[in-house]
Amino acid sequence: MQVSEVLTEGVAWKRSGSKVSRKYRCTSGPRKGRVMSSAAACNAPYKIKNAIRLKQTKAKMGTHRVVRSNRTKAHDPTSRRLKQLNRTRNR
């Protein structure tokens, strides 16, 4: 990865348990738009086995996953703080 690619990555905040940590939003590569732990992870090769497992889990859980995550985002204090931190500065 070139230095210019690393500098164009955006900064985002993500929840890890009850802590908030700084992550990077991928602006290019196969993971464009995702929030990753490091800018270098944006261009890392896919792990096919993990992708298949995630697809199976999402199919098995159905809408249960969506309901739980929406409840967490609405009521958990850490998630509410994240909403504030990740708002765009320039409006």
PDB file of N, CA and C in Angstrom:
ATOM      1  N   MET A   1       0.836  -1.174   0.000  1.00  0.00           N
ATOM      2  CA  MET A   1       0.000   0.000   0.000  1.00  0.00           C
ATOM      3  C   MET A   1       0.882   1.238   0.000  1.00  0.00           C
ATOM      4  N   GLN A   2       0.506   2.216  -0.782  1.00  0.00           N
ATOM      5  CA  GLN A   2       1.281   3.440  -0.857  1.00  0.00           C
ATOM      6  C   GLN A   2       0.879   4.398   0.249  1.00  0.00           C
ATOM      7  N   VAL A   3       1.765   5.345   0.531  1.00  0.00           N
ATOM      8  CA  VAL A   3       1.506   6.305   1.604  1.00  0.00           C
ATOM      9  C   VAL A   3       0.290   7.157   1.291  1.00  0.00           C
ATOM     10  N   SER A   4       0.105   7.528   0.030  1.00  0.00           N
ATOM     11  CA  SER A   4      -1.033   8.379  -0.338  1.00  0.00           C
ATOM     12  C   SER A   4      -2.362   7.683  -0.069  1.00  0.00           C
ATOM     13  N   GLU A   5      -2.408   6.346  -0.232  1.00  0.00           N
ATOM     14  CA  GLU A   5      -3.643   5.608   0.036  1.00  0.00           C
ATOM     15  C   GLU A   5      -3.974   5.618   1.522  1.00  0.00           C
ATOM     16  N   VAL A   6      -2.956   5.515   2.355  1.00  0.00           N
ATOM     17  CA  VAL A   6      -3.175   5.492   3.800  1.00  0.00           C
ATOM     18  C   VAL A   6      -3.723   6.833   4.264  1.00  0.00           C
ATOM     19  N   LEU A   7      -3.212   7.920   3.697  1.00  0.00           N
ATOM     20  CA  LEU A   7      -3.621   9.247   4.134  1.00  0.00           C
ATOM     21  C   LEU A   7      -5.044   9.590   3.719  1.00  0.00           C
ATOM     22  N   THR A   8      -5.561   8.931   2.664  1.00  0.00           N
ATOM     23  CA  THR A   8      -6.912   9.246   2.216  1.00  0.00           C
ATOM     24  C   THR A   8      -7.978   8.497   2.997  1.00  0.00           C
ATOM     25  N   GLU A   9      -7.574   7.579   3.866  1.00  0.00           N
ATOM     26  CA  GLU A   9      -8.553   6.823   4.648  1.00  0.00           C
ATOM     27  C   GLU A   9      -9.187   7.736   5.691  1.00  0.00           C
ATOM     28  N   GLY A  10     -10.495   7.641   5.869  1.00  0.00           N
ATOM     29  CA  GLY A  10     -11.200   8.464   6.837  1.00  0.00           C
ATOM     30  C   GLY A  10     -11.175   7.842   8.220  1.00  0.00           C
ATOM     31  N   VAL A  11     -11.280   8.685   9.212  1.00  0.00           N
ATOM     32  CA  VAL A  11     -11.294   8.212  10.598  1.00  0.00           C
ATOM     33  C   VAL A  11     -12.735   8.060  11.057  1.00  0.00           C
ATOM     34  N   ALA A  12     -13.022   6.980  11.758  1.00  0.00           N
ATOM     35  CA  ALA A  12     -14.349   6.729  12.318  1.00  0.00           C
ATOM     36  C   ALA A  12     -14.172   6.166  13.717  1.00  0.00           C
ATOM     37  N   TRP A  13     -15.237   6.158  14.483  1.00  0.00           N
ATOM     38  CA  TRP A  13     -15.207   5.614  15.840  1.00  0.00           C
ATOM     39  C   TRP A  13     -16.087   4.394  15.882  1.00  0.00           C
ATOM     40  N   LYS A  14     -15.658   3.377  16.651  1.00  0.00           N
ATOM     41  CA  LYS A  14     -16.395   2.128  16.715  1.00  0.00           C
ATOM     42  C   LYS A  14     -16.421   1.630  18.151  1.00  0.00           C
ATOM     43  N   ARG A  15     -17.461   0.895  18.494  1.00  0.00           N
ATOM     44  CA  ARG A  15     -17.634   0.386  19.848  1.00  0.00           C
ATOM     45  C   ARG A  15     -16.979  -0.976  19.981  1.00  0.00           C
ATOM     46  N   SER A  16     -16.201  -1.150  21.039  1.00  0.00           N
ATOM     47  CA  SER A  16     -15.638  -2.451  21.389  1.00  0.00           C
ATOM     48  C   SER A  16     -16.036  -2.725  22.830  1.00  0.00           C
ATOM     49  N   GLY A  17     -17.142  -3.438  23.015  1.00  0.00           N
ATOM     50  CA  GLY A  17     -17.677  -3.630  24.363  1.00  0.00           C
ATOM     51  C   GLY A  17     -18.254  -2.322  24.858  1.00  0.00           C
ATOM     52  N   SER A  18     -17.730  -1.820  25.988  1.00  0.00           N
ATOM     53  CA  SER A  18     -18.213  -0.532  26.495  1.00  0.00           C
ATOM     54  C   SER A  18     -17.215   0.580  26.222  1.00  0.00           C
ATOM     55  N   LYS A  19     -16.190   0.285  25.398  1.00  0.00           N
ATOM     56  CA  LYS A  19     -15.173   1.281  25.073  1.00  0.00           C
ATOM     57  C   LYS A  19     -15.376   1.787  23.650  1.00  0.00           C
ATOM     58  N   VAL A  20     -14.904   2.993  23.395  1.00  0.00           N
ATOM     59  CA  VAL A  20     -14.952   3.572  22.065  1.00  0.00           C
ATOM     60  C   VAL A  20     -13.513   3.679  21.570  1.00  0.00           C
ATOM     61  N   SER A  21     -13.241   3.158  20.372  1.00  0.00           N
ATOM     62  CA  SER A  21     -11.887   3.214  19.846  1.00  0.00           C
ATOM     63  C   SER A  21     -11.899   3.762  18.420  1.00  0.00           C
ATOM     64  N   ARG A  22     -10.764   4.321  18.015  1.00  0.00           N
ATOM     65  CA  ARG A  22     -10.645   4.940  16.703  1.00  0.00           C
ATOM     66  C   ARG A  22     -10.369   3.880  15.647  1.00  0.00           C
ATOM     67  N   LYS A  23     -11.119   3.938  14.556  1.00  0.00           N
ATOM     68  CA  LYS A  23     -10.950   3.002  13.447  1.00  0.00           C
ATOM     69  C   LYS A  23     -10.823   3.802  12.157  1.00  0.00           C
ATOM     70  N   TYR A  24     -10.744   3.110  11.034  1.00  0.00           N
ATOM     71  CA  TYR A  24     -10.563   3.763   9.739  1.00  0.00           C
ATOM     72  C   TYR A  24     -11.650   3.330   8.768  1.00  0.00           C
ATOM     73  N   ARG A  25     -12.204   4.302   8.048  1.00  0.00           N
ATOM     74  CA  ARG A  25     -13.213   4.003   7.040  1.00  0.00           C
ATOM     75  C   ARG A  25     -12.503   3.844   5.699  1.00  0.00           C
ATOM     76  N   CYS A  26     -12.687   2.700   5.063  1.00  0.00           N
ATOM     77  CA  CYS A  26     -12.016   2.419   3.792  1.00  0.00           C
ATOM     78  C   CYS A  26     -12.628   3.275   2.680  1.00  0.00           C
ATOM     79  N   THR A  27     -11.779   3.973   1.938  1.00  0.00           N
ATOM     80  CA  THR A  27     -12.268   4.803   0.839  1.00  0.00           C
ATOM     81  C   THR A  27     -11.953   4.178  -0.514  1.00  0.00           C
ATOM     82  N   SER A  28     -11.206   3.056  -0.506  1.00  0.00           N
ATOM     83  CA  SER A  28     -10.910   2.366  -1.748  1.00  0.00           C
ATOM     84  C   SER A  28     -10.687   0.887  -1.441  1.00  0.00           C
ATOM     85  N   GLY A  29     -10.558   0.101  -2.495  1.00  0.00           N
ATOM     86  CA  GLY A  29     -10.295  -1.323  -2.318  1.00  0.00           C
ATOM     87  C   GLY A  29     -11.571  -2.124  -2.217  1.00  0.00           C
ATOM     88  N   PRO A  30     -11.443  -3.433  -2.007  1.00  0.00           N
ATOM     89  CA  PRO A  30     -12.629  -4.302  -1.974  1.00  0.00           C
ATOM     90  C   PRO A  30     -13.537  -4.048  -0.775  1.00  0.00           C
ATOM     91  N   ARG A  31     -13.039  -3.386   0.262  1.00  0.00           N
ATOM     92  CA  ARG A  31     -13.836  -3.110   1.463  1.00  0.00           C
ATOM     93  C   ARG A  31     -14.250  -1.646   1.545  1.00  0.00           C
ATOM     94  N   LYS A  32     -14.449  -1.009   0.415  1.00  0.00           N
ATOM     95  CA  LYS A  32     -14.801   0.409   0.376  1.00  0.00           C
ATOM     96  C   LYS A  32     -16.087   0.664   1.162  1.00  0.00           C
ATOM     97  N   GLY A  33     -16.029   1.645   2.094  1.00  0.00           N
ATOM     98  CA  GLY A  33     -17.188   1.998   2.896  1.00  0.00           C
ATOM     99  C   GLY A  33     -17.228   1.319   4.252  1.00  0.00           C
ATOM    100  N   ARG A  34     -16.443   0.260   4.442  1.00  0.00           N
ATOM    101  CA  ARG A  34     -16.443  -0.451   5.719  1.00  0.00           C
ATOM    102  C   ARG A  34     -15.500   0.216   6.706  1.00  0.00           C
ATOM    103  N   VAL A  35     -15.750   0.000   7.990  1.00  0.00           N
ATOM    104  CA  VAL A  35     -14.889   0.514   9.046  1.00  0.00           C
ATOM    105  C   VAL A  35     -14.005  -0.635   9.509  1.00  0.00           C
ATOM    106  N   MET A  36     -12.687  -0.440   9.389  1.00  0.00           N
ATOM    107  CA  MET A  36     -11.727  -1.483   9.728  1.00  0.00           C
ATOM    108  C   MET A  36     -10.783  -0.982  10.820  1.00  0.00           C
ATOM    109  N   SER A  37     -10.083  -1.921  11.470  1.00  0.00           N
ATOM    110  CA  SER A  37      -9.199  -1.559  12.574  1.00  0.00           C
ATOM    111  C   SER A  37      -7.960  -0.818  12.100  1.00  0.00           C
ATOM    112  N   SER A  38      -7.495  -1.090  10.884  1.00  0.00           N
ATOM    113  CA  SER A  38      -6.325  -0.381  10.362  1.00  0.00           C
ATOM    114  C   SER A  38      -6.557  -0.077   8.890  1.00  0.00           C
ATOM    115  N   ALA A  39      -5.870   0.936   8.396  1.00  0.00           N
ATOM    116  CA  ALA A  39      -6.022   1.318   6.994  1.00  0.00           C
ATOM    117  C   ALA A  39      -5.480   0.231   6.075  1.00  0.00           C
ATOM    118  N   ALA A  40      -4.481  -0.516   6.533  1.00  0.00           N
ATOM    119  CA  ALA A  40      -3.899  -1.581   5.723  1.00  0.00           C
ATOM    120  C   ALA A  40      -4.890  -2.718   5.494  1.00  0.00           C
ATOM    121  N   ALA A  41      -5.847  -2.897   6.391  1.00  0.00           N
ATOM    122  CA  ALA A  41      -6.815  -3.990   6.273  1.00  0.00           C
ATOM    123  C   ALA A  41      -7.800  -3.771   5.130  1.00  0.00           C
ATOM    124  N   CYS A  42      -7.872  -2.562   4.588  1.00  0.00           N
ATOM    125  CA  CYS A  42      -8.818  -2.275   3.509  1.00  0.00           C
ATOM    126  C   CYS A  42      -8.479  -3.031   2.228  1.00  0.00           C
ATOM    127  N   ASN A  43      -7.204  -3.305   1.997  1.00  0.00           N
ATOM    128  CA  ASN A  43      -6.794  -3.996   0.774  1.00  0.00           C
ATOM    129  C   ASN A  43      -6.344  -5.427   1.029  1.00  0.00           C
ATOM    130  N   ALA A  44      -6.588  -5.955   2.222  1.00  0.00           N
ATOM    131  CA  ALA A  44      -6.195  -7.331   2.542  1.00  0.00           C
ATOM    132  C   ALA A  44      -7.060  -8.307   1.750  1.00  0.00           C
ATOM    133  N   PRO A  45      -6.545  -9.490   1.438  1.00  0.00           N
ATOM    134  CA  PRO A  45      -7.356 -10.464   0.697  1.00  0.00           C
ATOM    135  C   PRO A  45      -8.515 -10.988   1.541  1.00  0.00           C
ATOM    136  N   TYR A  46      -9.590 -11.364   0.859  1.00  0.00           N
ATOM    137  CA  TYR A  46     -10.762 -11.895   1.544  1.00  0.00           C
ATOM    138  C   TYR A  46     -10.461 -13.249   2.176  1.00  0.00           C
ATOM    139  N   LYS A  47     -11.090 -13.521   3.316  1.00  0.00           N
ATOM    140  CA  LYS A  47     -11.045 -14.837   3.930  1.00  0.00           C
ATOM    141  C   LYS A  47     -12.370 -15.511   3.570  1.00  0.00           C
ATOM    142  N   ILE A  48     -12.325 -16.400   2.590  1.00  0.00           N
ATOM    143  CA  ILE A  48     -13.532 -17.015   2.033  1.00  0.00           C
ATOM    144  C   ILE A  48     -14.308 -17.780   3.100  1.00  0.00           C
ATOM    145  N   LYS A  49     -13.595 -18.516   3.953  1.00  0.00           N
ATOM    146  CA  LYS A  49     -14.246 -19.328   4.981  1.00  0.00           C
ATOM    147  C   LYS A  49     -15.067 -18.453   5.928  1.00  0.00           C
ATOM    148  N   ASN A  50     -14.486 -17.318   6.357  1.00  0.00           N
ATOM    149  CA  ASN A  50     -15.195 -16.413   7.260  1.00  0.00           C
ATOM    150  C   ASN A  50     -16.392 -15.765   6.575  1.00  0.00           C
ATOM    151  N   ALA A  51     -16.268 -15.453   5.285  1.00  0.00           N
ATOM    152  CA  ALA A  51     -17.367 -14.846   4.545  1.00  0.00           C
ATOM    153  C   ALA A  51     -18.553 -15.811   4.455  1.00  0.00           C
ATOM    154  N   ILE A  52     -18.253 -17.085   4.215  1.00  0.00           N
ATOM    155  CA  ILE A  52     -19.313 -18.100   4.128  1.00  0.00           C
ATOM    156  C   ILE A  52     -19.983 -18.280   5.484  1.00  0.00           C
ATOM    157  N   ARG A  53     -19.189 -18.316   6.560  1.00  0.00           N
ATOM    158  CA  ARG A  53     -19.735 -18.492   7.904  1.00  0.00           C
ATOM    159  C   ARG A  53     -20.644 -17.317   8.280  1.00  0.00           C
ATOM    160  N   LEU A  54     -20.231 -16.094   7.940  1.00  0.00           N
ATOM    161  CA  LEU A  54     -21.051 -14.929   8.240  1.00  0.00           C
ATOM    162  C   LEU A  54     -22.369 -14.977   7.476  1.00  0.00           C
ATOM    163  N   LYS A  55     -22.312 -15.395   6.218  1.00  0.00           N
ATOM    164  CA  LYS A  55     -23.521 -15.502   5.404  1.00  0.00           C
ATOM    165  C   LYS A  55     -24.499 -16.511   6.007  1.00  0.00           C
ATOM    166  N   GLN A  56     -23.977 -17.643   6.497  1.00  0.00           N
ATOM    167  CA  GLN A  56     -24.817 -18.665   7.120  1.00  0.00           C
ATOM    168  C   GLN A  56     -25.431 -18.147   8.419  1.00  0.00           C
ATOM    169  N   THR A  57     -24.638 -17.431   9.219  1.00  0.00           N
ATOM    170  CA  THR A  57     -25.131 -16.903  10.491  1.00  0.00           C
ATOM    171  C   THR A  57     -26.235 -15.885  10.255  1.00  0.00           C
ATOM    172  N   LYS A  58     -26.040 -15.000   9.279  1.00  0.00           N
ATOM    173  CA  LYS A  58     -27.052 -13.987   8.971  1.00  0.00           C
ATOM    174  C   LYS A  58     -28.353 -14.634   8.510  1.00  0.00           C
ATOM    175  N   ALA A  59     -28.231 -15.719   7.721  1.00  0.00           N
ATOM    176  CA  ALA A  59     -29.420 -16.420   7.237  1.00  0.00           C
ATOM    177  C   ALA A  59     -30.149 -17.114   8.385  1.00  0.00           C
ATOM    178  N   LYS A  60     -29.398 -17.644   9.318  1.00  0.00           N
ATOM    179  CA  LYS A  60     -29.989 -18.379  10.441  1.00  0.00           C
ATOM    180  C   LYS A  60     -30.685 -17.433  11.420  1.00  0.00           C
ATOM    181  N   MET A  61     -30.088 -16.274  11.668  1.00  0.00           N
ATOM    182  CA  MET A  61     -30.629 -15.343  12.654  1.00  0.00           C
ATOM    183  C   MET A  61     -31.838 -14.574  12.122  1.00  0.00           C
ATOM    184  N   GLY A  62     -31.893 -14.334  10.834  1.00  0.00           N
ATOM    185  CA  GLY A  62     -33.014 -13.611  10.246  1.00  0.00           C
ATOM    186  C   GLY A  62     -33.085 -12.182  10.746  1.00  0.00           C
ATOM    187  N   THR A  63     -34.306 -11.714  11.029  1.00  0.00           N
ATOM    188  CA  THR A  63     -34.476 -10.326  11.466  1.00  0.00           C
ATOM    189  C   THR A  63     -34.141 -10.143  12.937  1.00  0.00           C
ATOM    190  N   HIS A  64     -33.922 -11.239  13.666  1.00  0.00           N
ATOM    191  CA  HIS A  64     -33.573 -11.159  15.088  1.00  0.00           C
ATOM    192  C   HIS A  64     -32.339 -10.279  15.291  1.00  0.00           C
ATOM    193  N   ARG A  65     -31.356 -10.427  14.386  1.00  0.00           N
ATOM    194  CA  ARG A  65     -30.116  -9.656  14.444  1.00  0.00           C
ATOM    195  C   ARG A  65     -30.393  -8.165  14.300  1.00  0.00           C
ATOM    196  N   VAL A  66     -31.260  -7.812  13.379  1.00  0.00           N
ATOM    197  CA  VAL A  66     -31.582  -6.410  13.105  1.00  0.00           C
ATOM    198  C   VAL A  66     -32.306  -5.781  14.297  1.00  0.00           C
ATOM    199  N   VAL A  67     -33.246  -6.508  14.880  1.00  0.00           N
ATOM    200  CA  VAL A  67     -34.015  -6.007  16.016  1.00  0.00           C
ATOM    201  C   VAL A  67     -33.094  -5.737  17.201  1.00  0.00           C
ATOM    202  N   ARG A  68     -32.197  -6.673  17.483  1.00  0.00           N
ATOM    203  CA  ARG A  68     -31.274  -6.514  18.613  1.00  0.00           C
ATOM    204  C   ARG A  68     -30.313  -5.347  18.405  1.00  0.00           C
ATOM    205  N   SER A  69     -29.779  -5.212  17.193  1.00  0.00           N
ATOM    206  CA  SER A  69     -28.827  -4.131  16.945  1.00  0.00           C
ATOM    207  C   SER A  69     -29.518  -2.773  17.008  1.00  0.00           C
ATOM    208  N   ASN A  70     -30.755  -2.687  16.517  1.00  0.00           N
ATOM    209  CA  ASN A  70     -31.486  -1.418  16.594  1.00  0.00           C
ATOM    210  C   ASN A  70     -31.796  -1.048  18.044  1.00  0.00           C
ATOM    211  N   ARG A  71     -32.126  -2.044  18.862  1.00  0.00           N
ATOM    212  CA  ARG A  71     -32.390  -1.788  20.276  1.00  0.00           C
ATOM    213  C   ARG A  71     -31.120  -1.283  20.968  1.00  0.00           C
ATOM    214  N   THR A  72     -29.987  -1.905  20.662  1.00  0.00           N
ATOM    215  CA  THR A  72     -28.712  -1.496  21.247  1.00  0.00           C
ATOM    216  C   THR A  72     -28.369  -0.073  20.839  1.00  0.00           C
ATOM    217  N   LYS A  73     -28.516   0.242  19.558  1.00  0.00           N
ATOM    218  CA  LYS A  73     -28.174   1.574  19.060  1.00  0.00           C
ATOM    219  C   LYS A  73     -29.044   2.655  19.689  1.00  0.00           C
ATOM    220  N   ALA A  74     -30.274   2.303  20.034  1.00  0.00           N
ATOM    221  CA  ALA A  74     -31.192   3.294  20.596  1.00  0.00           C
ATOM    222  C   ALA A  74     -30.978   3.510  22.097  1.00  0.00           C
ATOM    223  N   HIS A  75     -30.572   2.476  22.841  1.00  0.00           N
ATOM    224  CA  HIS A  75     -30.582   2.567  24.299  1.00  0.00           C
ATOM    225  C   HIS A  75     -29.218   2.491  24.968  1.00  0.00           C
ATOM    226  N   ASP A  76     -28.228   1.885  24.327  1.00  0.00           N
ATOM    227  CA  ASP A  76     -26.917   1.729  24.955  1.00  0.00           C
ATOM    228  C   ASP A  76     -26.179   3.072  24.974  1.00  0.00           C
ATOM    229  N   PRO A  77     -25.710   3.543  26.141  1.00  0.00           N
ATOM    230  CA  PRO A  77     -25.045   4.846  26.229  1.00  0.00           C
ATOM    231  C   PRO A  77     -23.807   4.962  25.334  1.00  0.00           C
ATOM    232  N   THR A  78     -23.053   3.877  25.206  1.00  0.00           N
ATOM    233  CA  THR A  78     -21.859   3.916  24.362  1.00  0.00           C
ATOM    234  C   THR A  78     -22.237   4.103  22.900  1.00  0.00           C
ATOM    235  N   SER A  79     -23.275   3.419  22.446  1.00  0.00           N
ATOM    236  CA  SER A  79     -23.719   3.542  21.063  1.00  0.00           C
ATOM    237  C   SER A  79     -24.269   4.933  20.787  1.00  0.00           C
ATOM    238  N   ARG A  80     -24.933   5.514  21.765  1.00  0.00           N
ATOM    239  CA  ARG A  80     -25.471   6.865  21.592  1.00  0.00           C
ATOM    240  C   ARG A  80     -24.347   7.886  21.485  1.00  0.00           C
ATOM    241  N   ARG A  81     -23.264   7.658  22.255  1.00  0.00           N
ATOM    242  CA  ARG A  81     -22.102   8.537  22.182  1.00  0.00           C
ATOM    243  C   ARG A  81     -21.442   8.415  20.808  1.00  0.00           C
ATOM    244  N   LEU A  82     -21.406   7.204  20.271  1.00  0.00           N
ATOM    245  CA  LEU A  82     -20.824   6.973  18.951  1.00  0.00           C
ATOM    246  C   LEU A  82     -21.573   7.726  17.860  1.00  0.00           C
ATOM    247  N   LYS A  83     -22.880   7.731  17.972  1.00  0.00           N
ATOM    248  CA  LYS A  83     -23.694   8.432  16.993  1.00  0.00           C
ATOM    249  C   LYS A  83     -23.270   9.888  16.895  1.00  0.00           C
ATOM    250  N   GLN A  84     -22.989  10.479  18.060  1.00  0.00           N
ATOM    251  CA  GLN A  84     -22.549  11.875  18.119  1.00  0.00           C
ATOM    252  C   GLN A  84     -21.145  12.035  17.525  1.00  0.00           C
ATOM    253  N   LEU A  85     -20.246  11.120  17.852  1.00  0.00           N
ATOM    254  CA  LEU A  85     -18.857  11.219  17.388  1.00  0.00           C
ATOM    255  C   LEU A  85     -18.728  11.052  15.881  1.00  0.00           C
ATOM    256  N   ASN A  86     -19.533  10.183  15.288  1.00  0.00           N
ATOM    257  CA  ASN A  86     -19.394   9.869  13.867  1.00  0.00           C
ATOM    258  C   ASN A  86     -20.169  10.811  12.950  1.00  0.00           C
ATOM    259  N   ARG A  87     -20.842  11.801  13.496  1.00  0.00           N
ATOM    260  CA  ARG A  87     -21.526  12.774  12.641  1.00  0.00           C
ATOM    261  C   ARG A  87     -20.495  13.554  11.846  1.00  0.00           C
ATOM    262  N   THR A  88     -20.847  13.916  10.620  1.00  0.00           N
ATOM    263  CA  THR A  88     -19.912  14.685   9.808  1.00  0.00           C
ATOM    264  C   THR A  88     -19.761  16.078  10.375  1.00  0.00           C
ATOM    265  N   ARG A  89     -18.554  16.589  10.358  1.00  0.00           N
ATOM    266  CA  ARG A  89     -18.256  17.901  10.942  1.00  0.00           C
ATOM    267  C   ARG A  89     -18.785  19.045  10.067  1.00  0.00           C
ATOM    268  N   ASN A  90     -18.681  18.895   8.751  1.00  0.00           N
ATOM    269  CA  ASN A  90     -19.071  19.974   7.833  1.00  0.00           C
ATOM    270  C   ASN A  90     -20.505  19.784   7.375  1.00  0.00           C
ATOM    271  N   ARG A  91     -21.399  20.617   7.873  1.00  0.00           N
ATOM    272  CA  ARG A  91     -22.798  20.506   7.452  1.00  0.00           C
ATOM    273  C   ARG A  91     -23.205  21.734   6.691  1.00  0.00           C
TER     274      ARG A  91
END
